[in-house]
Amino acid sequence: MDTEAQPTERDRSSSPSDSEEISDTGGPEGRSRFALVSRITEWVPGGRITLSTLLCLLFLLLLNAFVVQPFQIPSGSMEKGLRIGDRVLVNKLAYRFGAEPRRGDVVVFDGTGYFGDADYIKRVVGVGGDHVVCCDKEGRIEVNGRSVDESAFLYPGDSPSSVDFDVVVPDGTLFVLGDHRAESSDSRDHLGSPGGGMIPVGEVIGRADWIVWPTAHWTRLERPDGYARVPAAEGADG
């Protein structure tokens, strides 16, 4: 029985000459791109290595400007969770598409004109419309009538606040506190300053999501359950 495959019309359509014709369709464009890259590498001192380095730097600059940005913790105001010298990655897209800071988020913001001419990192305690009081009968901060258990992140030995306050957070602003209350200059200390100690949401650079350095301290910054259980402000949506 003859088992040799016989040529068919389909076999002829996939012959080497036809394949070469398909490859040639994109040939001039590919050669043009290659020639352009070659001319650029000839123009740039150092050639391909320099060009690759420049492209990597451009990518990192765009990433830093629009997506994530590293920040170094300069003080002990956010201990015990964030220590002096820790590096955190700040998610700059967290609040870009309609989302807003939530109670319990750790945020980095520009404090110019409110706290001082610098960037700060604090925890959001109250958002627009919230009624924030310190303190309840057990010495805890109260938000919208709900006492908040801050023991998971509050610095050991610190009270929730040594300063009494009773504020309603204006819409579009945040009431923020450091986790190491005894060492933190925050909304409590600026109640009589311009803005009343509140930080406009528009001044928030992003949400601190990860501690990335030192590696032994690598961890994700989670939203505490205590704040997740706080009810919405009276009259607020949701």
C-alpha atoms as a PDB file:
ATOM      1  CA  MET A   1       0.000   0.000   0.000  1.00  0.00           C
ATOM      2  CA  ASP A   2       1.410   3.313  -1.068  1.00  0.00           C
ATOM      3  CA  THR A   3       1.590   5.567   2.016  1.00  0.00           C
ATOM      4  CA  GLU A   4       3.604   8.413   0.500  1.00  0.00           C
ATOM      5  CA  ALA A   5       1.794  11.735   1.033  1.00  0.00           C
ATOM      6  CA  GLN A   6       0.727  13.288  -2.201  1.00  0.00           C
ATOM      7  CA  PRO A   7       0.993  17.064  -2.819  1.00  0.00           C
ATOM      8  CA  THR A   8      -2.325  18.890  -2.417  1.00  0.00           C
ATOM      9  CA  GLU A   9      -3.465  22.392  -3.133  1.00  0.00           C
ATOM     10  CA  ARG A  10      -3.059  23.182   0.605  1.00  0.00           C
ATOM     11  CA  ASP A  11       0.522  21.818   0.563  1.00  0.00           C
ATOM     12  CA  ARG A  12       1.455  24.066  -2.309  1.00  0.00           C
ATOM     13  CA  SER A  13      -0.039  27.134  -0.599  1.00  0.00           C
ATOM     14  CA  SER A  14       2.364  26.697   2.329  1.00  0.00           C
ATOM     15  CA  SER A  15       5.495  26.272   0.215  1.00  0.00           C
ATOM     16  CA  PRO A  16       8.726  28.079   1.199  1.00  0.00           C
ATOM     17  CA  SER A  17       8.315  30.693  -1.490  1.00  0.00           C
ATOM     18  CA  ASP A  18       4.879  31.670  -0.133  1.00  0.00           C
ATOM     19  CA  SER A  19       6.204  31.856   3.434  1.00  0.00           C
ATOM     20  CA  GLU A  20       8.905  34.237   2.362  1.00  0.00           C
ATOM     21  CA  GLU A  21       6.320  36.460   0.731  1.00  0.00           C
ATOM     22  CA  ILE A  22       4.354  36.691   4.039  1.00  0.00           C
ATOM     23  CA  SER A  23       7.511  37.578   5.985  1.00  0.00           C
ATOM     24  CA  ASP A  24       8.381  40.270   3.463  1.00  0.00           C
ATOM     25  CA  THR A  25       5.059  42.044   4.158  1.00  0.00           C
ATOM     26  CA  GLY A  26       6.417  43.515   7.400  1.00  0.00           C
ATOM     27  CA  GLY A  27      10.009  43.543   6.288  1.00  0.00           C
ATOM     28  CA  PRO A  28      10.477  47.181   5.266  1.00  0.00           C
ATOM     29  CA  GLU A  29       8.810  48.448   8.435  1.00  0.00           C
ATOM     30  CA  GLY A  30      10.924  46.185  10.619  1.00  0.00           C
ATOM     31  CA  ARG A  31      14.089  47.199   8.816  1.00  0.00           C
ATOM     32  CA  SER A  32      13.089  50.853   9.186  1.00  0.00           C
ATOM     33  CA  ARG A  33      12.656  50.507  12.955  1.00  0.00           C
ATOM     34  CA  PHE A  34      15.969  48.701  13.232  1.00  0.00           C
ATOM     35  CA  ALA A  35      17.697  51.431  11.229  1.00  0.00           C
ATOM     36  CA  LEU A  36      16.154  54.104  13.465  1.00  0.00           C
ATOM     37  CA  VAL A  37      17.361  52.371  16.625  1.00  0.00           C
ATOM     38  CA  SER A  38      20.793  51.959  15.076  1.00  0.00           C
ATOM     39  CA  ARG A  39      20.986  55.667  14.234  1.00  0.00           C
ATOM     40  CA  ILE A  40      19.925  56.602  17.791  1.00  0.00           C
ATOM     41  CA  THR A  41      22.483  54.301  19.383  1.00  0.00           C
ATOM     42  CA  GLU A  42      25.184  55.754  17.138  1.00  0.00           C
ATOM     43  CA  TRP A  43      24.192  59.282  18.196  1.00  0.00           C
ATOM     44  CA  VAL A  44      24.026  58.517  21.948  1.00  0.00           C
ATOM     45  CA  PRO A  45      27.441  58.318  23.649  1.00  0.00           C
ATOM     46  CA  GLY A  46      27.871  54.798  24.949  1.00  0.00           C
ATOM     47  CA  GLY A  47      25.512  53.278  22.399  1.00  0.00           C
ATOM     48  CA  ARG A  48      22.952  50.660  23.382  1.00  0.00           C
ATOM     49  CA  ILE A  49      24.011  50.493  27.033  1.00  0.00           C
ATOM     50  CA  THR A  50      23.443  54.219  27.533  1.00  0.00           C
ATOM     51  CA  LEU A  51      20.151  54.127  25.628  1.00  0.00           C
ATOM     52  CA  SER A  52      18.897  51.198  27.729  1.00  0.00           C
ATOM     53  CA  THR A  53      19.906  53.006  30.916  1.00  0.00           C
ATOM     54  CA  LEU A  54      18.099  56.177  29.846  1.00  0.00           C
ATOM     55  CA  LEU A  55      14.937  54.245  29.010  1.00  0.00           C
ATOM     56  CA  CYS A  56      15.043  52.514  32.415  1.00  0.00           C
ATOM     57  CA  LEU A  57      15.470  55.863  34.163  1.00  0.00           C
ATOM     58  CA  LEU A  58      12.564  57.341  32.199  1.00  0.00           C
ATOM     59  CA  PHE A  59      10.383  54.377  33.186  1.00  0.00           C
ATOM     60  CA  LEU A  60      11.316  54.795  36.862  1.00  0.00           C
ATOM     61  CA  LEU A  61      10.610  58.537  36.740  1.00  0.00           C
ATOM     62  CA  LEU A  62       7.158  57.937  35.253  1.00  0.00           C
ATOM     63  CA  LEU A  63       6.497  55.194  37.801  1.00  0.00           C
ATOM     64  CA  ASN A  64       7.558  57.502  40.624  1.00  0.00           C
ATOM     65  CA  ALA A  65       5.488  60.417  39.322  1.00  0.00           C
ATOM     66  CA  PHE A  66       2.223  58.625  38.646  1.00  0.00           C
ATOM     67  CA  VAL A  67       2.082  55.145  40.225  1.00  0.00           C
ATOM     68  CA  VAL A  68       4.175  54.463  43.344  1.00  0.00           C
ATOM     69  CA  GLN A  69       6.695  56.528  45.260  1.00  0.00           C
ATOM     70  CA  PRO A  70       9.057  55.490  48.064  1.00  0.00           C
ATOM     71  CA  PHE A  71       9.157  57.593  51.230  1.00  0.00           C
ATOM     72  CA  GLN A  72      11.495  57.354  54.202  1.00  0.00           C
ATOM     73  CA  ILE A  73      10.050  57.683  57.694  1.00  0.00           C
ATOM     74  CA  PRO A  74      11.861  60.663  59.305  1.00  0.00           C
ATOM     75  CA  SER A  75      10.512  60.518  62.864  1.00  0.00           C
ATOM     76  CA  GLY A  76       8.924  58.271  65.464  1.00  0.00           C
ATOM     77  CA  SER A  77       5.433  59.778  65.132  1.00  0.00           C
ATOM     78  CA  MET A  78       4.038  56.607  63.509  1.00  0.00           C
ATOM     79  CA  GLU A  79       5.620  54.010  65.798  1.00  0.00           C
ATOM     80  CA  LYS A  80       5.036  51.226  66.667  1.00  0.00           C
ATOM     81  CA  GLY A  81       4.189  50.273  63.082  1.00  0.00           C
ATOM     82  CA  LEU A  82       6.530  52.628  61.216  1.00  0.00           C
ATOM     83  CA  ARG A  83       9.988  53.174  62.632  1.00  0.00           C
ATOM     84  CA  ILE A  84      12.563  55.863  61.887  1.00  0.00           C
ATOM     85  CA  GLY A  85      14.385  54.947  58.669  1.00  0.00           C
ATOM     86  CA  ASP A  86      11.708  52.594  57.337  1.00  0.00           C
ATOM     87  CA  ARG A  87      10.926  52.960  53.646  1.00  0.00           C
ATOM     88  CA  VAL A  88       7.316  52.739  52.578  1.00  0.00           C
ATOM     89  CA  LEU A  89       5.815  52.470  49.112  1.00  0.00           C
ATOM     90  CA  VAL A  90       3.035  55.000  48.569  1.00  0.00           C
ATOM     91  CA  ASN A  91       0.281  54.073  46.135  1.00  0.00           C
ATOM     92  CA  LYS A  92      -0.376  57.266  44.174  1.00  0.00           C
ATOM     93  CA  LEU A  93      -3.274  55.719  42.243  1.00  0.00           C
ATOM     94  CA  ALA A  94      -5.251  54.755  45.354  1.00  0.00           C
ATOM     95  CA  TYR A  95      -7.404  57.892  45.241  1.00  0.00           C
ATOM     96  CA  ARG A  96      -7.135  58.845  41.557  1.00  0.00           C
ATOM     97  CA  PHE A  97     -10.293  57.280  40.126  1.00  0.00           C
ATOM     98  CA  GLY A  98     -13.100  58.364  42.416  1.00  0.00           C
ATOM     99  CA  ALA A  99     -11.964  56.572  45.581  1.00  0.00           C
ATOM    100  CA  GLU A 100     -11.234  58.694  48.665  1.00  0.00           C
ATOM    101  CA  PRO A 101      -9.218  58.103  51.840  1.00  0.00           C
ATOM    102  CA  ARG A 102     -10.950  55.970  54.430  1.00  0.00           C
ATOM    103  CA  ARG A 103     -10.723  55.963  58.208  1.00  0.00           C
ATOM    104  CA  GLY A 104      -7.708  53.918  59.240  1.00  0.00           C
ATOM    105  CA  ASP A 105      -5.709  54.496  56.034  1.00  0.00           C
ATOM    106  CA  VAL A 106      -2.111  55.607  56.449  1.00  0.00           C
ATOM    107  CA  VAL A 107      -1.593  58.490  54.034  1.00  0.00           C
ATOM    108  CA  VAL A 108       1.220  60.758  52.906  1.00  0.00           C
ATOM    109  CA  PHE A 109       0.240  64.373  52.276  1.00  0.00           C
ATOM    110  CA  ASP A 110       1.710  67.785  51.588  1.00  0.00           C
ATOM    111  CA  GLY A 111       1.365  69.757  54.806  1.00  0.00           C
ATOM    112  CA  THR A 112       2.392  73.108  53.330  1.00  0.00           C
ATOM    113  CA  GLY A 113       0.173  75.809  54.798  1.00  0.00           C
ATOM    114  CA  TYR A 114      -1.448  73.385  57.245  1.00  0.00           C
ATOM    115  CA  PHE A 115       1.224  71.556  59.280  1.00  0.00           C
ATOM    116  CA  GLY A 116       4.477  72.873  57.804  1.00  0.00           C
ATOM    117  CA  ASP A 117       6.470  72.991  54.582  1.00  0.00           C
ATOM    118  CA  ALA A 118       7.006  69.257  54.246  1.00  0.00           C
ATOM    119  CA  ASP A 119       5.359  65.945  53.464  1.00  0.00           C
ATOM    120  CA  TYR A 120       3.822  64.082  56.400  1.00  0.00           C
ATOM    121  CA  ILE A 121       2.607  60.564  57.055  1.00  0.00           C
ATOM    122  CA  LYS A 122      -0.347  60.045  59.426  1.00  0.00           C
ATOM    123  CA  ARG A 123      -3.370  57.837  59.975  1.00  0.00           C
ATOM    124  CA  VAL A 124      -6.804  59.019  58.872  1.00  0.00           C
ATOM    125  CA  VAL A 125      -9.130  59.151  61.888  1.00  0.00           C
ATOM    126  CA  GLY A 126     -11.988  61.199  60.453  1.00  0.00           C
ATOM    127  CA  VAL A 127     -13.249  61.954  56.943  1.00  0.00           C
ATOM    128  CA  GLY A 128     -15.638  64.652  55.737  1.00  0.00           C
ATOM    129  CA  GLY A 129     -18.755  64.879  57.892  1.00  0.00           C
ATOM    130  CA  ASP A 130     -17.386  62.776  60.759  1.00  0.00           C
ATOM    131  CA  HIS A 131     -17.834  63.830  64.374  1.00  0.00           C
ATOM    132  CA  VAL A 132     -14.564  63.021  66.187  1.00  0.00           C
ATOM    133  CA  VAL A 133     -14.374  63.261  69.977  1.00  0.00           C
ATOM    134  CA  CYS A 134     -11.769  62.530  72.586  1.00  0.00           C
ATOM    135  CA  CYS A 135     -12.310  60.936  74.763  1.00  0.00           C
ATOM    136  CA  ASP A 136     -15.093  58.555  75.853  1.00  0.00           C
ATOM    137  CA  LYS A 137     -15.459  57.267  79.416  1.00  0.00           C
ATOM    138  CA  GLU A 138     -12.769  54.644  78.778  1.00  0.00           C
ATOM    139  CA  GLY A 139     -10.345  57.157  77.267  1.00  0.00           C
ATOM    140  CA  ARG A 140     -10.883  56.045  73.652  1.00  0.00           C
ATOM    141  CA  ILE A 141     -11.443  58.178  70.580  1.00  0.00           C
ATOM    142  CA  GLU A 142     -15.022  58.202  69.402  1.00  0.00           C
ATOM    143  CA  VAL A 143     -16.066  58.653  65.759  1.00  0.00           C
ATOM    144  CA  ASN A 144     -19.729  59.162  64.889  1.00  0.00           C
ATOM    145  CA  GLY A 145     -20.739  57.828  68.285  1.00  0.00           C
ATOM    146  CA  ARG A 146     -18.618  54.673  67.979  1.00  0.00           C
ATOM    147  CA  SER A 147     -15.603  54.127  70.257  1.00  0.00           C
ATOM    148  CA  VAL A 148     -12.535  52.948  68.343  1.00  0.00           C
ATOM    149  CA  ASP A 149     -10.180  50.252  69.634  1.00  0.00           C
ATOM    150  CA  GLU A 150      -6.710  51.436  68.533  1.00  0.00           C
ATOM    151  CA  SER A 151      -4.705  48.920  70.556  1.00  0.00           C
ATOM    152  CA  ALA A 152      -3.527  47.096  67.407  1.00  0.00           C
ATOM    153  CA  PHE A 153      -1.366  50.018  66.280  1.00  0.00           C
ATOM    154  CA  LEU A 154      -1.178  52.605  69.089  1.00  0.00           C
ATOM    155  CA  TYR A 155       2.302  52.977  70.576  1.00  0.00           C
ATOM    156  CA  PRO A 156       2.587  50.979  73.822  1.00  0.00           C
ATOM    157  CA  GLY A 157       1.988  53.177  76.864  1.00  0.00           C
ATOM    158  CA  ASP A 158       0.387  56.006  74.856  1.00  0.00           C
ATOM    159  CA  SER A 159      -3.152  57.164  75.544  1.00  0.00           C
ATOM    160  CA  PRO A 160      -5.358  57.875  72.491  1.00  0.00           C
ATOM    161  CA  SER A 161      -4.852  61.568  73.239  1.00  0.00           C
ATOM    162  CA  SER A 162      -3.668  63.773  76.075  1.00  0.00           C
ATOM    163  CA  VAL A 163      -5.627  66.633  74.489  1.00  0.00           C
ATOM    164  CA  ASP A 164      -9.421  66.752  74.531  1.00  0.00           C
ATOM    165  CA  PHE A 165     -11.148  67.697  71.296  1.00  0.00           C
ATOM    166  CA  ASP A 166     -14.611  67.662  69.779  1.00  0.00           C
ATOM    167  CA  VAL A 167     -14.645  68.404  66.053  1.00  0.00           C
ATOM    168  CA  VAL A 168     -16.765  67.892  62.971  1.00  0.00           C
ATOM    169  CA  VAL A 169     -14.583  67.271  59.928  1.00  0.00           C
ATOM    170  CA  PRO A 170     -15.530  69.564  57.012  1.00  0.00           C
ATOM    171  CA  ASP A 171     -16.365  67.935  53.685  1.00  0.00           C
ATOM    172  CA  GLY A 172     -13.329  67.341  51.498  1.00  0.00           C
ATOM    173  CA  THR A 173     -10.904  67.250  54.414  1.00  0.00           C
ATOM    174  CA  LEU A 174      -9.321  64.719  56.784  1.00  0.00           C
ATOM    175  CA  PHE A 175      -8.597  64.609  60.520  1.00  0.00           C
ATOM    176  CA  VAL A 176      -5.282  62.768  60.954  1.00  0.00           C
ATOM    177  CA  LEU A 177      -3.262  61.498  63.909  1.00  0.00           C
ATOM    178  CA  GLY A 178       0.087  59.795  64.396  1.00  0.00           C
ATOM    179  CA  ASP A 179       0.149  56.338  65.978  1.00  0.00           C
ATOM    180  CA  HIS A 180       2.745  57.473  68.541  1.00  0.00           C
ATOM    181  CA  ARG A 181       0.459  60.126  69.990  1.00  0.00           C
ATOM    182  CA  ALA A 182       2.998  61.417  72.531  1.00  0.00           C
ATOM    183  CA  GLU A 183       5.507  62.148  69.733  1.00  0.00           C
ATOM    184  CA  SER A 184       3.179  63.245  66.939  1.00  0.00           C
ATOM    185  CA  SER A 185       2.343  66.751  65.777  1.00  0.00           C
ATOM    186  CA  ASP A 186      -0.974  66.232  64.017  1.00  0.00           C
ATOM    187  CA  SER A 187      -4.527  67.568  63.661  1.00  0.00           C
ATOM    188  CA  ARG A 188      -4.842  67.998  67.432  1.00  0.00           C
ATOM    189  CA  ASP A 189      -1.967  70.487  67.497  1.00  0.00           C
ATOM    190  CA  HIS A 190      -3.299  72.621  64.652  1.00  0.00           C
ATOM    191  CA  LEU A 191      -6.955  73.056  65.588  1.00  0.00           C
ATOM    192  CA  GLY A 192      -6.359  76.808  65.858  1.00  0.00           C
ATOM    193  CA  SER A 193      -4.200  77.041  62.712  1.00  0.00           C
ATOM    194  CA  PRO A 194      -5.353  77.825  59.151  1.00  0.00           C
ATOM    195  CA  GLY A 195      -7.579  74.962  58.073  1.00  0.00           C
ATOM    196  CA  GLY A 196      -8.351  74.024  61.679  1.00  0.00           C
ATOM    197  CA  GLY A 197      -5.948  71.098  61.654  1.00  0.00           C
ATOM    198  CA  MET A 198      -7.749  69.463  58.755  1.00  0.00           C
ATOM    199  CA  ILE A 199      -5.940  68.294  55.615  1.00  0.00           C
ATOM    200  CA  PRO A 200      -7.659  68.783  52.238  1.00  0.00           C
ATOM    201  CA  VAL A 201      -8.096  65.511  50.369  1.00  0.00           C
ATOM    202  CA  GLY A 202      -6.470  67.196  47.379  1.00  0.00           C
ATOM    203  CA  GLU A 203      -3.192  67.477  49.302  1.00  0.00           C
ATOM    204  CA  VAL A 204      -2.967  63.700  49.788  1.00  0.00           C
ATOM    205  CA  ILE A 205      -0.102  62.259  47.743  1.00  0.00           C
ATOM    206  CA  GLY A 206      -1.157  58.653  48.221  1.00  0.00           C
ATOM    207  CA  ARG A 207      -1.760  55.751  50.562  1.00  0.00           C
ATOM    208  CA  ALA A 208       1.150  53.966  52.224  1.00  0.00           C
ATOM    209  CA  ASP A 209       0.604  50.302  51.361  1.00  0.00           C
ATOM    210  CA  TRP A 210       3.919  48.525  52.030  1.00  0.00           C
ATOM    211  CA  ILE A 211       6.964  48.740  54.248  1.00  0.00           C
ATOM    212  CA  VAL A 212       9.746  47.610  51.899  1.00  0.00           C
ATOM    213  CA  TRP A 213      12.903  48.406  53.850  1.00  0.00           C
ATOM    214  CA  PRO A 214      14.537  47.060  55.893  1.00  0.00           C
ATOM    215  CA  THR A 215      13.643  43.660  54.498  1.00  0.00           C
ATOM    216  CA  ALA A 216      13.198  42.234  57.988  1.00  0.00           C
ATOM    217  CA  HIS A 217      10.344  44.705  58.476  1.00  0.00           C
ATOM    218  CA  TRP A 218       8.696  44.014  55.106  1.00  0.00           C
ATOM    219  CA  THR A 219       4.914  44.011  55.557  1.00  0.00           C
ATOM    220  CA  ARG A 220       1.654  45.246  54.099  1.00  0.00           C
ATOM    221  CA  LEU A 221      -0.111  48.054  55.946  1.00  0.00           C
ATOM    222  CA  GLU A 222      -3.660  46.888  56.558  1.00  0.00           C
ATOM    223  CA  ARG A 223      -6.714  48.943  57.477  1.00  0.00           C
ATOM    224  CA  PRO A 224      -7.522  48.309  61.166  1.00  0.00           C
ATOM    225  CA  ASP A 225     -10.813  46.612  61.990  1.00  0.00           C
ATOM    226  CA  GLY A 226     -11.587  49.215  64.636  1.00  0.00           C
ATOM    227  CA  TYR A 227     -12.054  51.933  62.021  1.00  0.00           C
ATOM    228  CA  ALA A 228     -13.797  49.631  59.563  1.00  0.00           C
ATOM    229  CA  ARG A 229     -16.671  49.301  62.046  1.00  0.00           C
ATOM    230  CA  VAL A 230     -17.231  53.052  62.401  1.00  0.00           C
ATOM    231  CA  PRO A 231     -20.647  54.037  60.986  1.00  0.00           C
ATOM    232  CA  ALA A 232     -21.010  56.663  58.282  1.00  0.00           C
ATOM    233  CA  ALA A 233     -21.533  60.215  59.400  1.00  0.00           C
ATOM    234  CA  GLU A 234     -25.128  61.250  59.869  1.00  0.00           C
ATOM    235  CA  GLY A 235     -26.516  62.290  56.512  1.00  0.00           C
ATOM    236  CA  ALA A 236     -23.579  60.842  54.551  1.00  0.00           C
ATOM    237  CA  ASP A 237     -24.044  58.368  51.719  1.00  0.00           C
ATOM    238  CA  GLY A 238     -23.300  54.740  52.669  1.00  0.00           C
END
